Amino acid sequence: MTQSKPEIEALLTPAEVAAAFGVYVQTVARWARTGRLKSVQTLGGHRRFRPADVQALLEADSRWITAHRNW
């Protein structure tokens, strides 16, 4: 029998997340620190983000902006 290797999930860097939201990297770090966005710490102590968590926050922010738009 052959054993399959577990699939490694691609993670996003703070810079990639910041670009997706149009914010500074420091803002993304604050979101992670305060729990607004879940992060994974690497062995070197750097934060990485799961694409599904980032997508969920993008969608939540989009719904909030749409609901509070004053046009």
PDB file of N, CA and C in Angstrom:
ATOM      1  N   MET A   1       0.832  -1.176   0.000  1.00  0.00           N
ATOM      2  CA  MET A   1       0.000   0.000   0.000  1.00  0.00           C
ATOM      3  C   MET A   1       0.881   1.247   0.000  1.00  0.00           C
ATOM      4  N   THR A   2       0.460   2.220  -0.735  1.00  0.00           N
ATOM      5  CA  THR A   2       1.197   3.481  -0.723  1.00  0.00           C
ATOM      6  C   THR A   2       0.458   4.480   0.143  1.00  0.00           C
ATOM      7  N   GLN A   3       1.221   5.246   0.866  1.00  0.00           N
ATOM      8  CA  GLN A   3       0.621   6.272   1.703  1.00  0.00           C
ATOM      9  C   GLN A   3       0.731   7.605   0.985  1.00  0.00           C
ATOM     10  N   SER A   4      -0.376   8.323   0.974  1.00  0.00           N
ATOM     11  CA  SER A   4      -0.336   9.636   0.339  1.00  0.00           C
ATOM     12  C   SER A   4       0.107  10.673   1.362  1.00  0.00           C
ATOM     13  N   LYS A   5       0.838  11.638   0.883  1.00  0.00           N
ATOM     14  CA  LYS A   5       1.295  12.711   1.754  1.00  0.00           C
ATOM     15  C   LYS A   5       0.144  13.676   1.993  1.00  0.00           C
ATOM     16  N   PRO A   6       0.039  14.199   3.199  1.00  0.00           N
ATOM     17  CA  PRO A   6      -1.014  15.178   3.439  1.00  0.00           C
ATOM     18  C   PRO A   6      -0.744  16.424   2.597  1.00  0.00           C
ATOM     19  N   GLU A   7      -1.813  16.979   2.058  1.00  0.00           N
ATOM     20  CA  GLU A   7      -1.671  18.163   1.217  1.00  0.00           C
ATOM     21  C   GLU A   7      -1.368  19.382   2.086  1.00  0.00           C
ATOM     22  N   ILE A   8      -0.369  20.125   1.688  1.00  0.00           N
ATOM     23  CA  ILE A   8       0.016  21.320   2.427  1.00  0.00           C
ATOM     24  C   ILE A   8      -0.791  22.493   1.883  1.00  0.00           C
ATOM     25  N   GLU A   9      -1.476  23.166   2.783  1.00  0.00           N
ATOM     26  CA  GLU A   9      -2.315  24.291   2.405  1.00  0.00           C
ATOM     27  C   GLU A   9      -1.452  25.525   2.134  1.00  0.00           C
ATOM     28  N   ALA A  10      -1.730  26.187   1.028  1.00  0.00           N
ATOM     29  CA  ALA A  10      -1.016  27.423   0.715  1.00  0.00           C
ATOM     30  C   ALA A  10      -1.497  28.516   1.657  1.00  0.00           C
ATOM     31  N   LEU A  11      -0.572  29.226   2.260  1.00  0.00           N
ATOM     32  CA  LEU A  11      -0.911  30.298   3.184  1.00  0.00           C
ATOM     33  C   LEU A  11      -0.500  31.636   2.584  1.00  0.00           C
ATOM     34  N   LEU A  12      -1.188  32.691   3.000  1.00  0.00           N
ATOM     35  CA  LEU A  12      -0.920  34.033   2.495  1.00  0.00           C
ATOM     36  C   LEU A  12      -0.054  34.804   3.479  1.00  0.00           C
ATOM     37  N   THR A  13       0.805  35.657   2.948  1.00  0.00           N
ATOM     38  CA  THR A  13       1.637  36.514   3.781  1.00  0.00           C
ATOM     39  C   THR A  13       0.827  37.750   4.187  1.00  0.00           C
ATOM     40  N   PRO A  14       1.277  38.457   5.218  1.00  0.00           N
ATOM     41  CA  PRO A  14       0.587  39.700   5.587  1.00  0.00           C
ATOM     42  C   PRO A  14       0.527  40.704   4.434  1.00  0.00           C
ATOM     43  N   ALA A  15       1.570  40.771   3.622  1.00  0.00           N
ATOM     44  CA  ALA A  15       1.576  41.699   2.484  1.00  0.00           C
ATOM     45  C   ALA A  15       0.505  41.330   1.459  1.00  0.00           C
ATOM     46  N   GLU A  16       0.312  40.039   1.229  1.00  0.00           N
ATOM     47  CA  GLU A  16      -0.720  39.599   0.281  1.00  0.00           C
ATOM     48  C   GLU A  16      -2.113  39.922   0.804  1.00  0.00           C
ATOM     49  N   VAL A  17      -2.320  39.724   2.103  1.00  0.00           N
ATOM     50  CA  VAL A  17      -3.616  40.041   2.711  1.00  0.00           C
ATOM     51  C   VAL A  17      -3.862  41.544   2.671  1.00  0.00           C
ATOM     52  N   ALA A  18      -2.836  42.320   2.981  1.00  0.00           N
ATOM     53  CA  ALA A  18      -2.965  43.778   2.955  1.00  0.00           C
ATOM     54  C   ALA A  18      -3.343  44.262   1.559  1.00  0.00           C
ATOM     55  N   ALA A  19      -2.743  43.690   0.542  1.00  0.00           N
ATOM     56  CA  ALA A  19      -3.057  44.073  -0.837  1.00  0.00           C
ATOM     57  C   ALA A  19      -4.509  43.742  -1.183  1.00  0.00           C
ATOM     58  N   ALA A  20      -5.001  42.607  -0.702  1.00  0.00           N
ATOM     59  CA  ALA A  20      -6.384  42.204  -0.982  1.00  0.00           C
ATOM     60  C   ALA A  20      -7.392  43.164  -0.368  1.00  0.00           C
ATOM     61  N   PHE A  21      -7.069  43.704   0.808  1.00  0.00           N
ATOM     62  CA  PHE A  21      -7.979  44.615   1.505  1.00  0.00           C
ATOM     63  C   PHE A  21      -7.696  46.087   1.202  1.00  0.00           C
ATOM     64  N   GLY A  22      -6.538  46.368   0.628  1.00  0.00           N
ATOM     65  CA  GLY A  22      -6.163  47.749   0.371  1.00  0.00           C
ATOM     66  C   GLY A  22      -5.796  48.497   1.643  1.00  0.00           C
ATOM     67  N   VAL A  23      -5.117  47.791   2.555  1.00  0.00           N
ATOM     68  CA  VAL A  23      -4.701  48.381   3.834  1.00  0.00           C
ATOM     69  C   VAL A  23      -3.197  48.164   4.019  1.00  0.00           C
ATOM     70  N   TYR A  24      -2.653  48.766   5.061  1.00  0.00           N
ATOM     71  CA  TYR A  24      -1.234  48.576   5.391  1.00  0.00           C
ATOM     72  C   TYR A  24      -1.008  47.222   6.058  1.00  0.00           C
ATOM     73  N   VAL A  25       0.211  46.719   5.934  1.00  0.00           N
ATOM     74  CA  VAL A  25       0.594  45.451   6.563  1.00  0.00           C
ATOM     75  C   VAL A  25       0.390  45.531   8.075  1.00  0.00           C
ATOM     76  N   GLN A  26       0.647  46.693   8.667  1.00  0.00           N
ATOM     77  CA  GLN A  26       0.481  46.867  10.109  1.00  0.00           C
ATOM     78  C   GLN A  26      -0.989  46.677  10.514  1.00  0.00           C
ATOM     79  N   THR A  27      -1.893  47.051   9.638  1.00  0.00           N
ATOM     80  CA  THR A  27      -3.323  46.860   9.916  1.00  0.00           C
ATOM     81  C   THR A  27      -3.643  45.369   9.982  1.00  0.00           C
ATOM     82  N   VAL A  28      -3.093  44.610   9.066  1.00  0.00           N
ATOM     83  CA  VAL A  28      -3.309  43.155   9.050  1.00  0.00           C
ATOM     84  C   VAL A  28      -2.740  42.537  10.321  1.00  0.00           C
ATOM     85  N   ALA A  29      -1.569  42.993  10.737  1.00  0.00           N
ATOM     86  CA  ALA A  29      -0.961  42.489  11.981  1.00  0.00           C
ATOM     87  C   ALA A  29      -1.862  42.799  13.175  1.00  0.00           C
ATOM     88  N   ARG A  30      -2.450  43.979  13.198  1.00  0.00           N
ATOM     89  CA  ARG A  30      -3.348  44.350  14.295  1.00  0.00           C
ATOM     90  C   ARG A  30      -4.604  43.467  14.277  1.00  0.00           C
ATOM     91  N   TRP A  31      -5.146  43.215  13.091  1.00  0.00           N
ATOM     92  CA  TRP A  31      -6.315  42.334  12.986  1.00  0.00           C
ATOM     93  C   TRP A  31      -5.999  40.949  13.549  1.00  0.00           C
ATOM     94  N   ALA A  32      -4.807  40.444  13.265  1.00  0.00           N
ATOM     95  CA  ALA A  32      -4.403  39.132  13.773  1.00  0.00           C
ATOM     96  C   ALA A  32      -4.229  39.176  15.288  1.00  0.00           C
ATOM     97  N   ARG A  33      -3.613  40.233  15.785  1.00  0.00           N
ATOM     98  CA  ARG A  33      -3.365  40.375  17.229  1.00  0.00           C
ATOM     99  C   ARG A  33      -4.665  40.465  18.007  1.00  0.00           C
ATOM    100  N   THR A  34      -5.666  41.156  17.442  1.00  0.00           N
ATOM    101  CA  THR A  34      -6.931  41.358  18.148  1.00  0.00           C
ATOM    102  C   THR A  34      -7.945  40.244  17.883  1.00  0.00           C
ATOM    103  N   GLY A  35      -7.621  39.314  16.981  1.00  0.00           N
ATOM    104  CA  GLY A  35      -8.510  38.194  16.717  1.00  0.00           C
ATOM    105  C   GLY A  35      -9.517  38.427  15.607  1.00  0.00           C
ATOM    106  N   ARG A  36      -9.452  39.566  14.943  1.00  0.00           N
ATOM    107  CA  ARG A  36     -10.383  39.822  13.841  1.00  0.00           C
ATOM    108  C   ARG A  36     -10.108  38.878  12.671  1.00  0.00           C
ATOM    109  N   LEU A  37      -8.850  38.515  12.483  1.00  0.00           N
ATOM    110  CA  LEU A  37      -8.445  37.611  11.412  1.00  0.00           C
ATOM    111  C   LEU A  37      -7.547  36.539  12.016  1.00  0.00           C
ATOM    112  N   LYS A  38      -7.935  35.284  11.858  1.00  0.00           N
ATOM    113  CA  LYS A  38      -7.137  34.176  12.399  1.00  0.00           C
ATOM    114  C   LYS A  38      -5.821  34.061  11.644  1.00  0.00           C
ATOM    115  N   SER A  39      -4.770  33.747  12.372  1.00  0.00           N
ATOM    116  CA  SER A  39      -3.473  33.555  11.733  1.00  0.00           C
ATOM    117  C   SER A  39      -2.809  32.296  12.255  1.00  0.00           C
ATOM    118  N   VAL A  40      -1.821  31.850  11.501  1.00  0.00           N
ATOM    119  CA  VAL A  40      -0.999  30.700  11.861  1.00  0.00           C
ATOM    120  C   VAL A  40       0.408  31.242  12.003  1.00  0.00           C
ATOM    121  N   GLN A  41       1.106  30.842  13.060  1.00  0.00           N
ATOM    122  CA  GLN A  41       2.493  31.285  13.212  1.00  0.00           C
ATOM    123  C   GLN A  41       3.441  30.226  12.685  1.00  0.00           C
ATOM    124  N   THR A  42       4.415  30.676  11.913  1.00  0.00           N
ATOM    125  CA  THR A  42       5.434  29.763  11.412  1.00  0.00           C
ATOM    126  C   THR A  42       6.422  29.463  12.530  1.00  0.00           C
ATOM    127  N   LEU A  43       7.297  28.520  12.292  1.00  0.00           N
ATOM    128  CA  LEU A  43       8.320  28.197  13.292  1.00  0.00           C
ATOM    129  C   LEU A  43       9.226  29.395  13.557  1.00  0.00           C
ATOM    130  N   GLY A  44       9.357  30.258  12.574  1.00  0.00           N
ATOM    131  CA  GLY A  44      10.182  31.454  12.732  1.00  0.00           C
ATOM    132  C   GLY A  44       9.451  32.615  13.388  1.00  0.00           C
ATOM    133  N   GLY A  45       8.171  32.406  13.746  1.00  0.00           N
ATOM    134  CA  GLY A  45       7.406  33.433  14.434  1.00  0.00           C
ATOM    135  C   GLY A  45       6.652  34.394  13.521  1.00  0.00           C
ATOM    136  N   HIS A  46       6.631  34.116  12.224  1.00  0.00           N
ATOM    137  CA  HIS A  46       5.922  34.977  11.280  1.00  0.00           C
ATOM    138  C   HIS A  46       4.466  34.545  11.155  1.00  0.00           C
ATOM    139  N   ARG A  47       3.603  35.497  10.860  1.00  0.00           N
ATOM    140  CA  ARG A  47       2.187  35.177  10.688  1.00  0.00           C
ATOM    141  C   ARG A  47       1.899  34.829   9.235  1.00  0.00           C
ATOM    142  N   ARG A  48       1.023  33.850   9.070  1.00  0.00           N
ATOM    143  CA  ARG A  48       0.509  33.485   7.759  1.00  0.00           C
ATOM    144  C   ARG A  48      -0.997  33.306   7.911  1.00  0.00           C
ATOM    145  N   PHE A  49      -1.706  33.454   6.807  1.00  0.00           N
ATOM    146  CA  PHE A  49      -3.168  33.455   6.848  1.00  0.00           C
ATOM    147  C   PHE A  49      -3.743  32.449   5.872  1.00  0.00           C
ATOM    148  N   ARG A  50      -4.782  31.747   6.309  1.00  0.00           N
ATOM    149  CA  ARG A  50      -5.471  30.787   5.450  1.00  0.00           C
ATOM    150  C   ARG A  50      -6.373  31.549   4.486  1.00  0.00           C
ATOM    151  N   PRO A  51      -6.328  31.194   3.203  1.00  0.00           N
ATOM    152  CA  PRO A  51      -7.164  31.898   2.220  1.00  0.00           C
ATOM    153  C   PRO A  51      -8.654  31.898   2.572  1.00  0.00           C
ATOM    154  N   ALA A  52      -9.150  30.819   3.148  1.00  0.00           N
ATOM    155  CA  ALA A  52     -10.577  30.751   3.508  1.00  0.00           C
ATOM    156  C   ALA A  52     -10.924  31.784   4.581  1.00  0.00           C
ATOM    157  N   ASP A  53     -10.034  32.002   5.549  1.00  0.00           N
ATOM    158  CA  ASP A  53     -10.269  33.005   6.597  1.00  0.00           C
ATOM    159  C   ASP A  53     -10.257  34.412   6.013  1.00  0.00           C
ATOM    160  N   VAL A  54      -9.330  34.654   5.090  1.00  0.00           N
ATOM    161  CA  VAL A  54      -9.249  35.970   4.446  1.00  0.00           C
ATOM    162  C   VAL A  54     -10.506  36.210   3.609  1.00  0.00           C
ATOM    163  N   GLN A  55     -10.925  35.204   2.858  1.00  0.00           N
ATOM    164  CA  GLN A  55     -12.122  35.331   2.028  1.00  0.00           C
ATOM    165  C   GLN A  55     -13.355  35.607   2.886  1.00  0.00           C
ATOM    166  N   ALA A  56     -13.470  34.943   4.004  1.00  0.00           N
ATOM    167  CA  ALA A  56     -14.618  35.152   4.893  1.00  0.00           C
ATOM    168  C   ALA A  56     -14.651  36.588   5.414  1.00  0.00           C
ATOM    169  N   LEU A  57     -13.492  37.136   5.768  1.00  0.00           N
ATOM    170  CA  LEU A  57     -13.446  38.516   6.253  1.00  0.00           C
ATOM    171  C   LEU A  57     -13.736  39.496   5.124  1.00  0.00           C
ATOM    172  N   LEU A  58     -13.236  39.216   3.935  1.00  0.00           N
ATOM    173  CA  LEU A  58     -13.541  40.073   2.781  1.00  0.00           C
ATOM    174  C   LEU A  58     -15.044  40.127   2.533  1.00  0.00           C
ATOM    175  N   GLU A  59     -15.694  38.982   2.589  1.00  0.00           N
ATOM    176  CA  GLU A  59     -17.139  38.928   2.368  1.00  0.00           C
ATOM    177  C   GLU A  59     -17.896  39.636   3.485  1.00  0.00           C
ATOM    178  N   ALA A  60     -17.472  39.467   4.719  1.00  0.00           N
ATOM    179  CA  ALA A  60     -18.129  40.129   5.844  1.00  0.00           C
ATOM    180  C   ALA A  60     -17.979  41.642   5.730  1.00  0.00           C
ATOM    181  N   ASP A  61     -16.780  42.108   5.378  1.00  0.00           N
ATOM    182  CA  ASP A  61     -16.553  43.543   5.210  1.00  0.00           C
ATOM    183  C   ASP A  61     -17.385  44.089   4.063  1.00  0.00           C
ATOM    184  N   SER A  62     -17.491  43.321   2.991  1.00  0.00           N
ATOM    185  CA  SER A  62     -18.277  43.748   1.840  1.00  0.00           C
ATOM    186  C   SER A  62     -19.746  43.905   2.207  1.00  0.00           C
ATOM    187  N   ARG A  63     -20.270  42.960   2.986  1.00  0.00           N
ATOM    188  CA  ARG A  63     -21.674  43.051   3.413  1.00  0.00           C
ATOM    189  C   ARG A  63     -21.881  44.249   4.333  1.00  0.00           C
ATOM    190  N   TRP A  64     -20.921  44.529   5.225  1.00  0.00           N
ATOM    191  CA  TRP A  64     -21.049  45.656   6.143  1.00  0.00           C
ATOM    192  C   TRP A  64     -21.027  46.973   5.369  1.00  0.00           C
ATOM    193  N   ILE A  65     -20.117  47.096   4.407  1.00  0.00           N
ATOM    194  CA  ILE A  65     -20.020  48.319   3.606  1.00  0.00           C
ATOM    195  C   ILE A  65     -21.306  48.542   2.823  1.00  0.00           C
ATOM    196  N   THR A  66     -21.834  47.481   2.224  1.00  0.00           N
ATOM    197  CA  THR A  66     -23.074  47.596   1.458  1.00  0.00           C
ATOM    198  C   THR A  66     -24.228  48.030   2.354  1.00  0.00           C
ATOM    199  N   ALA A  67     -24.310  47.505   3.542  1.00  0.00           N
ATOM    200  CA  ALA A  67     -25.406  47.838   4.467  1.00  0.00           C
ATOM    201  C   ALA A  67     -25.308  49.252   5.004  1.00  0.00           C
ATOM    202  N   HIS A  68     -24.107  49.821   5.068  1.00  0.00           N
ATOM    203  CA  HIS A  68     -23.920  51.131   5.688  1.00  0.00           C
ATOM    204  C   HIS A  68     -23.583  52.228   4.672  1.00  0.00           C
ATOM    205  N   ARG A  69     -23.789  51.955   3.429  1.00  0.00           N
ATOM    206  CA  ARG A  69     -23.506  52.937   2.393  1.00  0.00           C
ATOM    207  C   ARG A  69     -24.586  54.029   2.413  1.00  0.00           C
ATOM    208  N   ASN A  70     -24.183  55.269   2.360  1.00  0.00           N
ATOM    209  CA  ASN A  70     -25.128  56.385   2.366  1.00  0.00           C
ATOM    210  C   ASN A  70     -25.166  57.044   0.997  1.00  0.00           C
ATOM    211  N   TRP A  71     -25.769  56.394   0.037  1.00  0.00           N
ATOM    212  CA  TRP A  71     -25.819  56.941  -1.321  1.00  0.00           C
ATOM    213  C   TRP A  71     -27.149  57.537  -1.573  1.00  0.00           C
TER     214      TRP A  71
END
